Amino acid sequence: MTTIKIANAQFWVHDQDEALAFYTTKLGWEVRADVTMEAWSFRCCASPRPGTARRWS
């Protein structure tokens, strides 16, 4: 049997603050990145599950 592991998933949400609060407050995940690029009206948040190895600094 083949095991599949998901390394990265991206989700588009209407309210990023609400989504980030859900993952950190309800699921207990930590915020490792929260970057806003004003010129593109774009925000990127990285919130891996607890115990996930840090793959960037």
N, C-alpha and C. Protein backbone atom coordinates (compact mmCIF):
# COMPACT_ATOMS: atom_id res chain seq x y z
N MET A 1 0.84 -1.19 0.00
CA MET A 1 0.00 0.00 0.00
C MET A 1 0.88 1.25 0.00
N THR A 2 0.57 2.19 -0.83
CA THR A 2 1.32 3.44 -0.93
C THR A 2 0.81 4.46 0.10
N THR A 3 1.73 5.09 0.79
CA THR A 3 1.39 6.14 1.73
C THR A 3 1.63 7.50 1.08
N ILE A 4 0.66 8.36 1.17
CA ILE A 4 0.78 9.71 0.61
C ILE A 4 0.86 10.70 1.76
N LYS A 5 1.85 11.59 1.70
CA LYS A 5 2.00 12.63 2.72
C LYS A 5 1.84 13.99 2.05
N ILE A 6 1.03 14.84 2.63
CA ILE A 6 0.83 16.19 2.10
C ILE A 6 1.83 17.11 2.78
N ALA A 7 2.67 17.76 2.00
CA ALA A 7 3.68 18.65 2.54
C ALA A 7 3.21 20.10 2.61
N ASN A 8 2.29 20.48 1.72
CA ASN A 8 1.88 21.87 1.64
C ASN A 8 0.48 21.92 1.03
N ALA A 9 -0.36 22.75 1.58
CA ALA A 9 -1.70 22.98 1.03
C ALA A 9 -1.99 24.47 1.13
N GLN A 10 -2.60 25.02 0.10
CA GLN A 10 -2.94 26.44 0.08
C GLN A 10 -4.46 26.58 -0.01
N PHE A 11 -4.99 27.50 0.79
CA PHE A 11 -6.42 27.73 0.82
C PHE A 11 -6.71 29.22 0.63
N TRP A 12 -7.60 29.54 -0.27
CA TRP A 12 -8.07 30.91 -0.42
C TRP A 12 -9.25 31.09 0.51
N VAL A 13 -9.22 32.14 1.32
CA VAL A 13 -10.29 32.41 2.28
C VAL A 13 -10.74 33.86 2.14
N HIS A 14 -11.96 34.13 2.56
CA HIS A 14 -12.49 35.49 2.50
C HIS A 14 -11.99 36.37 3.64
N ASP A 15 -11.74 35.77 4.79
CA ASP A 15 -11.29 36.53 5.96
C ASP A 15 -10.04 35.85 6.52
N GLN A 16 -8.88 36.38 6.20
CA GLN A 16 -7.63 35.75 6.62
C GLN A 16 -7.42 35.81 8.12
N ASP A 17 -7.85 36.88 8.76
CA ASP A 17 -7.71 36.97 10.22
C ASP A 17 -8.55 35.89 10.90
N GLU A 18 -9.75 35.67 10.41
CA GLU A 18 -10.63 34.63 10.97
C GLU A 18 -10.03 33.24 10.73
N ALA A 19 -9.51 33.00 9.55
CA ALA A 19 -8.91 31.71 9.24
C ALA A 19 -7.67 31.46 10.10
N LEU A 20 -6.83 32.47 10.25
CA LEU A 20 -5.62 32.33 11.07
C LEU A 20 -5.99 32.08 12.52
N ALA A 21 -7.01 32.77 13.01
CA ALA A 21 -7.48 32.55 14.39
C ALA A 21 -7.99 31.12 14.57
N PHE A 22 -8.69 30.59 13.58
CA PHE A 22 -9.18 29.21 13.66
C PHE A 22 -8.03 28.23 13.80
N TYR A 23 -7.03 28.35 12.93
CA TYR A 23 -5.93 27.40 12.95
C TYR A 23 -5.07 27.52 14.21
N THR A 24 -4.92 28.72 14.72
CA THR A 24 -4.08 28.90 15.91
C THR A 24 -4.86 28.67 17.21
N THR A 25 -6.08 29.18 17.30
CA THR A 25 -6.85 29.06 18.53
C THR A 25 -7.54 27.71 18.67
N LYS A 26 -8.23 27.30 17.63
CA LYS A 26 -9.00 26.05 17.70
C LYS A 26 -8.14 24.81 17.52
N LEU A 27 -7.17 24.86 16.60
CA LEU A 27 -6.34 23.69 16.32
C LEU A 27 -5.00 23.69 17.03
N GLY A 28 -4.61 24.85 17.59
CA GLY A 28 -3.37 24.94 18.35
C GLY A 28 -2.11 25.02 17.49
N TRP A 29 -2.26 25.38 16.23
CA TRP A 29 -1.11 25.51 15.34
C TRP A 29 -0.39 26.82 15.62
N GLU A 30 0.89 26.90 15.29
CA GLU A 30 1.67 28.12 15.53
C GLU A 30 1.81 28.92 14.23
N VAL A 31 1.97 30.22 14.38
CA VAL A 31 2.22 31.07 13.22
C VAL A 31 3.72 31.13 12.98
N ARG A 32 4.16 30.70 11.81
CA ARG A 32 5.58 30.77 11.47
C ARG A 32 5.86 31.87 10.47
N ALA A 33 4.84 32.32 9.77
CA ALA A 33 5.02 33.43 8.82
C ALA A 33 3.68 34.13 8.64
N ASP A 34 3.71 35.44 8.57
CA ASP A 34 2.53 36.25 8.28
C ASP A 34 3.03 37.47 7.52
N VAL A 35 2.99 37.39 6.21
CA VAL A 35 3.59 38.40 5.34
C VAL A 35 2.52 39.05 4.47
N THR A 36 2.49 40.37 4.44
CA THR A 36 1.57 41.10 3.58
C THR A 36 2.36 41.84 2.51
N MET A 37 1.92 41.68 1.26
CA MET A 37 2.52 42.40 0.13
C MET A 37 1.49 43.40 -0.37
N GLU A 38 1.57 44.61 0.13
CA GLU A 38 0.59 45.65 -0.17
C GLU A 38 0.44 45.92 -1.66
N ALA A 39 1.55 45.91 -2.39
CA ALA A 39 1.50 46.23 -3.82
C ALA A 39 0.62 45.25 -4.59
N TRP A 40 0.51 44.02 -4.09
CA TRP A 40 -0.29 43.00 -4.79
C TRP A 40 -1.60 42.71 -4.08
N SER A 41 -1.88 43.41 -2.97
CA SER A 41 -3.04 43.12 -2.13
C SER A 41 -3.06 41.63 -1.78
N PHE A 42 -1.93 41.14 -1.30
CA PHE A 42 -1.74 39.71 -1.06
C PHE A 42 -1.19 39.50 0.34
N ARG A 43 -1.68 38.47 1.01
CA ARG A 43 -1.17 38.12 2.34
C ARG A 43 -0.94 36.61 2.37
N CYS A 44 0.17 36.22 2.93
CA CYS A 44 0.53 34.81 3.03
C CYS A 44 0.79 34.48 4.50
N CYS A 45 0.11 33.48 5.01
CA CYS A 45 0.30 33.04 6.38
C CYS A 45 0.72 31.58 6.37
N ALA A 46 1.70 31.23 7.15
CA ALA A 46 2.12 29.84 7.29
C ALA A 46 1.86 29.42 8.72
N SER A 47 1.06 28.39 8.89
CA SER A 47 0.69 27.92 10.22
C SER A 47 0.67 26.40 10.22
N PRO A 48 1.84 25.78 10.36
CA PRO A 48 1.89 24.31 10.34
C PRO A 48 1.37 23.71 11.63
N ARG A 49 1.02 22.45 11.56
CA ARG A 49 0.53 21.74 12.75
C ARG A 49 1.67 21.57 13.76
N PRO A 50 1.34 21.42 15.04
CA PRO A 50 2.38 21.25 16.06
C PRO A 50 3.25 20.03 15.77
N GLY A 51 4.54 20.17 16.03
CA GLY A 51 5.46 19.07 15.82
C GLY A 51 6.03 18.97 14.42
N THR A 52 5.58 19.84 13.53
CA THR A 52 6.10 19.83 12.16
C THR A 52 7.51 20.39 12.16
N ALA A 53 8.41 19.69 11.48
CA ALA A 53 9.81 20.15 11.39
C ALA A 53 9.87 21.49 10.67
N ARG A 54 10.73 22.34 11.15
CA ARG A 54 10.92 23.65 10.54
C ARG A 54 11.77 23.48 9.28
N ARG A 55 11.21 23.87 8.12
CA ARG A 55 11.91 23.68 6.86
C ARG A 55 12.47 24.98 6.30
N TRP A 56 12.23 26.07 6.96
CA TRP A 56 12.78 27.36 6.56
C TRP A 56 13.09 28.15 7.81
N SER A 57 13.85 29.19 7.66
CA SER A 57 14.18 30.00 8.83
C SER A 57 13.61 31.38 8.70
